[in-house]
C-alpha atoms as a PDB file:
ATOM      1  CA  MET A   1      25.930 -21.311   1.021  1.00  0.00           C
ATOM      2  CA  TRP A   2      27.025 -17.771   0.167  1.00  0.00           C
ATOM      3  CA  GLN A   3      28.983 -19.145  -2.812  1.00  0.00           C
ATOM      4  CA  GLU A   4      25.810 -20.780  -4.110  1.00  0.00           C
ATOM      5  CA  ARG A   5      23.927 -17.476  -3.787  1.00  0.00           C
ATOM      6  CA  ARG A   6      26.743 -15.703  -5.593  1.00  0.00           C
ATOM      7  CA  LYS A   7      26.565 -18.215  -8.470  1.00  0.00           C
ATOM      8  CA  LEU A   8      22.794 -17.760  -8.725  1.00  0.00           C
ATOM      9  CA  ARG A   9      23.213 -13.970  -8.752  1.00  0.00           C
ATOM     10  CA  GLU A  10      25.858 -14.167 -11.481  1.00  0.00           C
ATOM     11  CA  ARG A  11      23.644 -16.529 -13.506  1.00  0.00           C
ATOM     12  CA  SER A  12      20.736 -14.039 -13.302  1.00  0.00           C
ATOM     13  CA  ILE A  13      22.936 -11.099 -14.276  1.00  0.00           C
ATOM     14  CA  ASN A  14      24.428 -13.018 -17.215  1.00  0.00           C
ATOM     15  CA  ALA A  15      20.960 -14.103 -18.381  1.00  0.00           C
ATOM     16  CA  ILE A  16      19.695 -10.524 -18.600  1.00  0.00           C
ATOM     17  CA  ARG A  17      22.899  -9.335 -20.269  1.00  0.00           C
ATOM     18  CA  HIS A  18      23.055 -12.072 -22.917  1.00  0.00           C
ATOM     19  CA  ASN A  19      19.383 -12.883 -23.476  1.00  0.00           C
ATOM     20  CA  PRO A  20      17.249  -9.960 -22.284  1.00  0.00           C
ATOM     21  CA  GLU A  21      14.143 -10.957 -24.278  1.00  0.00           C
ATOM     22  CA  ASP A  22      13.709 -14.178 -22.292  1.00  0.00           C
ATOM     23  CA  VAL A  23      14.199 -12.394 -18.981  1.00  0.00           C
ATOM     24  CA  ILE A  24      11.701  -9.690 -19.963  1.00  0.00           C
ATOM     25  CA  ARG A  25       9.206 -12.418 -20.889  1.00  0.00           C
ATOM     26  CA  VAL A  26       9.693 -14.198 -17.524  1.00  0.00           C
ATOM     27  CA  VAL A  27       9.267 -10.991 -15.527  1.00  0.00           C
ATOM     28  CA  SER A  28       6.302  -9.864 -17.628  1.00  0.00           C
ATOM     29  CA  ARG A  29       4.501 -13.158 -17.010  1.00  0.00           C
ATOM     30  CA  ALA A  30       5.117 -12.869 -13.273  1.00  0.00           C
ATOM     31  CA  VAL A  31       3.516  -9.409 -12.994  1.00  0.00           C
ATOM     32  CA  SER A  32      -0.270  -9.456 -12.926  1.00  0.00           C
ATOM     33  CA  ALA A  33      -2.065  -8.281 -16.051  1.00  0.00           C
ATOM     34  CA  ALA A  34      -4.843  -6.896 -13.834  1.00  0.00           C
ATOM     35  CA  LEU A  35      -2.662  -3.904 -12.931  1.00  0.00           C
ATOM     36  CA  PRO A  36      -3.098  -0.721 -14.985  1.00  0.00           C
ATOM     37  CA  ARG A  37      -0.670  -0.600 -17.903  1.00  0.00           C
ATOM     38  CA  PHE A  38       1.385   2.329 -16.554  1.00  0.00           C
ATOM     39  CA  MET A  39       1.744   0.680 -13.162  1.00  0.00           C
ATOM     40  CA  ARG A  40       2.566  -2.726 -14.623  1.00  0.00           C
ATOM     41  CA  ASP A  41       5.295  -1.234 -16.822  1.00  0.00           C
ATOM     42  CA  ASP A  42       6.916   0.524 -13.859  1.00  0.00           C
ATOM     43  CA  VAL A  43       6.871  -2.662 -11.758  1.00  0.00           C
ATOM     44  CA  ILE A  44       8.374  -4.693 -14.619  1.00  0.00           C
ATOM     45  CA  ASN A  45      11.128  -2.096 -15.114  1.00  0.00           C
ATOM     46  CA  ALA A  46      11.928  -2.048 -11.397  1.00  0.00           C
ATOM     47  CA  MET A  47      12.173  -5.836 -11.364  1.00  0.00           C
ATOM     48  CA  LEU A  48      14.391  -5.897 -14.469  1.00  0.00           C
ATOM     49  CA  GLU A  49      16.683  -3.335 -12.891  1.00  0.00           C
ATOM     50  CA  ALA A  50      16.894  -5.443  -9.732  1.00  0.00           C
ATOM     51  CA  VAL A  51      17.802  -8.518 -11.799  1.00  0.00           C
ATOM     52  CA  LEU A  52      20.472  -6.522 -13.633  1.00  0.00           C
ATOM     53  CA  LEU A  53      21.930  -5.275 -10.339  1.00  0.00           C
ATOM     54  CA  GLY A  54      21.827  -8.739  -8.817  1.00  0.00           C
ATOM     55  CA  ASP A  55      19.294  -7.869  -6.121  1.00  0.00           C
ATOM     56  CA  LEU A  56      16.630 -10.189  -7.577  1.00  0.00           C
ATOM     57  CA  LEU A  57      17.246 -13.734  -8.756  1.00  0.00           C
ATOM     58  CA  LEU A  58      15.304 -15.060 -11.731  1.00  0.00           C
ATOM     59  CA  GLU A  59      14.161 -17.990  -9.594  1.00  0.00           C
ATOM     60  CA  ASN A  60      12.468 -15.565  -7.157  1.00  0.00           C
ATOM     61  CA  VAL A  61      10.715 -13.305  -9.666  1.00  0.00           C
ATOM     62  CA  GLY A  62       7.234 -14.769  -9.024  1.00  0.00           C
ATOM     63  CA  ILE A  63       7.656 -14.778  -5.261  1.00  0.00           C
ATOM     64  CA  ARG A  64       8.986 -11.224  -4.980  1.00  0.00           C
ATOM     65  CA  MET A  65       6.519  -9.593  -7.413  1.00  0.00           C
ATOM     66  CA  LYS A  66       4.276  -8.447  -4.535  1.00  0.00           C
ATOM     67  CA  ASP A  67       7.221  -6.654  -2.923  1.00  0.00           C
ATOM     68  CA  TYR A  68       7.758  -4.570  -6.059  1.00  0.00           C
ATOM     69  CA  VAL A  69       4.045  -3.757  -6.392  1.00  0.00           C
ATOM     70  CA  ARG A  70       4.050  -2.696  -2.731  1.00  0.00           C
ATOM     71  CA  GLY A  71       7.140  -0.560  -3.377  1.00  0.00           C
ATOM     72  CA  TYR A  72       5.388   1.117  -6.303  1.00  0.00           C
ATOM     73  CA  ASN A  73       2.343   1.876  -4.147  1.00  0.00           C
ATOM     74  CA  ARG A  74       4.546   3.386  -1.445  1.00  0.00           C
ATOM     75  CA  GLU A  75       6.549   5.462  -3.891  1.00  0.00           C
ATOM     76  CA  TYR A  76       3.601   6.915  -5.772  1.00  0.00           C
ATOM     77  CA  ASP A  77       1.088   6.754  -2.901  1.00  0.00           C
ATOM     78  CA  THR A  78      -1.565   4.963  -4.962  1.00  0.00           C
ATOM     79  CA  PHE A  79      -3.781   4.314  -1.955  1.00  0.00           C
ATOM     80  CA  LYS A  80      -3.443   7.758  -0.512  1.00  0.00           C
ATOM     81  CA  MET A  81      -4.651   8.917   2.860  1.00  0.00           C
ATOM     82  CA  LEU A  82      -6.670  12.105   2.531  1.00  0.00           C
ATOM     83  CA  SER A  83      -6.382  14.906   5.037  1.00  0.00           C
ATOM     84  CA  LEU A  84      -9.600  16.390   6.379  1.00  0.00           C
ATOM     85  CA  ASP A  85      -7.971  19.820   6.551  1.00  0.00           C
ATOM     86  CA  ALA A  86      -6.715  19.883   2.947  1.00  0.00           C
ATOM     87  CA  PRO A  87      -8.800  21.904   0.469  1.00  0.00           C
ATOM     88  CA  MET A  88     -10.915  19.805  -1.874  1.00  0.00           C
ATOM     89  CA  GLY A  89     -10.004  19.708  -5.541  1.00  0.00           C
ATOM     90  CA  GLY A  90     -11.531  22.497  -7.607  1.00  0.00           C
ATOM     91  CA  THR A  91     -12.261  24.686  -4.573  1.00  0.00           C
ATOM     92  CA  ASP A  92     -10.188  27.246  -2.749  1.00  0.00           C
ATOM     93  CA  ASP A  93     -11.531  27.126   0.768  1.00  0.00           C
ATOM     94  CA  LEU A  94     -13.888  24.131   1.051  1.00  0.00           C
ATOM     95  CA  ARG A  95     -12.393  21.387   3.200  1.00  0.00           C
ATOM     96  CA  ARG A  96     -13.653  17.863   3.888  1.00  0.00           C
ATOM     97  CA  ILE A  97     -13.954  18.594   7.578  1.00  0.00           C
ATOM     98  CA  ASP A  98     -16.474  21.341   6.767  1.00  0.00           C
ATOM     99  CA  LEU A  99     -18.807  18.706   5.312  1.00  0.00           C
ATOM    100  CA  LEU A 100     -18.898  16.601   8.483  1.00  0.00           C
ATOM    101  CA  GLU A 101     -21.704  17.047  10.954  1.00  0.00           C
ATOM    102  CA  ALA A 102     -21.094  17.232  14.691  1.00  0.00           C
ATOM    103  CA  PRO A 103     -22.765  14.381  16.573  1.00  0.00           C
ATOM    104  CA  ALA A 104     -25.826  15.260  18.617  1.00  0.00           C
ATOM    105  CA  SER A 105     -25.258  15.435  22.346  1.00  0.00           C
ATOM    106  CA  TYR A 106     -26.607  12.582  24.422  1.00  0.00           C
ATOM    107  CA  GLU A 107     -29.718  13.248  26.408  1.00  0.00           C
ATOM    108  CA  PRO A 108     -31.468  10.528  28.398  1.00  0.00           C
ATOM    109  CA  GLU A 109     -35.023   9.670  27.460  1.00  0.00           C
ATOM    110  CA  GLY A 110     -37.682  10.794  29.892  1.00  0.00           C
ATOM    111  CA  ASP A 111     -37.079  12.293  33.324  1.00  0.00           C
ATOM    112  CA  GLU A 112     -34.921   9.464  34.594  1.00  0.00           C
ATOM    113  CA  GLU A 113     -31.132   9.682  34.325  1.00  0.00           C
ATOM    114  CA  ASP A 114     -29.199   6.862  32.738  1.00  0.00           C
ATOM    115  CA  PRO A 115     -27.418   4.835  35.494  1.00  0.00           C
ATOM    116  CA  ASP A 116     -24.273   4.523  33.371  1.00  0.00           C
ATOM    117  CA  ILE A 117     -24.039   8.310  32.988  1.00  0.00           C
ATOM    118  CA  VAL A 118     -24.579   8.778  36.734  1.00  0.00           C
ATOM    119  CA  MET A 119     -21.702   6.386  37.394  1.00  0.00           C
ATOM    120  CA  LEU A 120     -19.443   8.213  34.936  1.00  0.00           C
ATOM    121  CA  LYS A 121     -20.196  11.533  36.662  1.00  0.00           C
ATOM    122  CA  GLY A 122     -19.117  10.024  39.982  1.00  0.00           C
ATOM    123  CA  GLY A 123     -22.529   9.267  41.432  1.00  0.00           C
ATOM    124  CA  TYR A 124     -23.808   5.971  42.747  1.00  0.00           C
ATOM    125  CA  SER A 125     -25.792   3.594  40.617  1.00  0.00           C
ATOM    126  CA  ARG A 126     -28.794   1.640  41.807  1.00  0.00           C
ATOM    127  CA  TRP A 127     -26.934  -1.613  41.506  1.00  0.00           C
END
């Protein structure tokens, strides 16, 4: 089994060394055209490098494309988490947390206390 994998790896490496245009065409077709051009080019280059190193077989290019897109997103943090404490762009001291409003405190309607709140405070409910 490992000999078969080794032969497939050698076949992929030889294909990119001797006929790179065909390999580029195969990888380019596997990567979605819906991606922005700069992102698509980086993913294609990463996949071509993996084929050249023997980490990616030509037979698995379509299956493993999502892994390389995910790797690109992790490397360049495309879907970035924003910190509430970080200053907003174009300002020196305005932070996102400053724009949030504190929730209003809960007050029961009327004179009667809410039985759930009484229970939470350690009192007895009417039930």
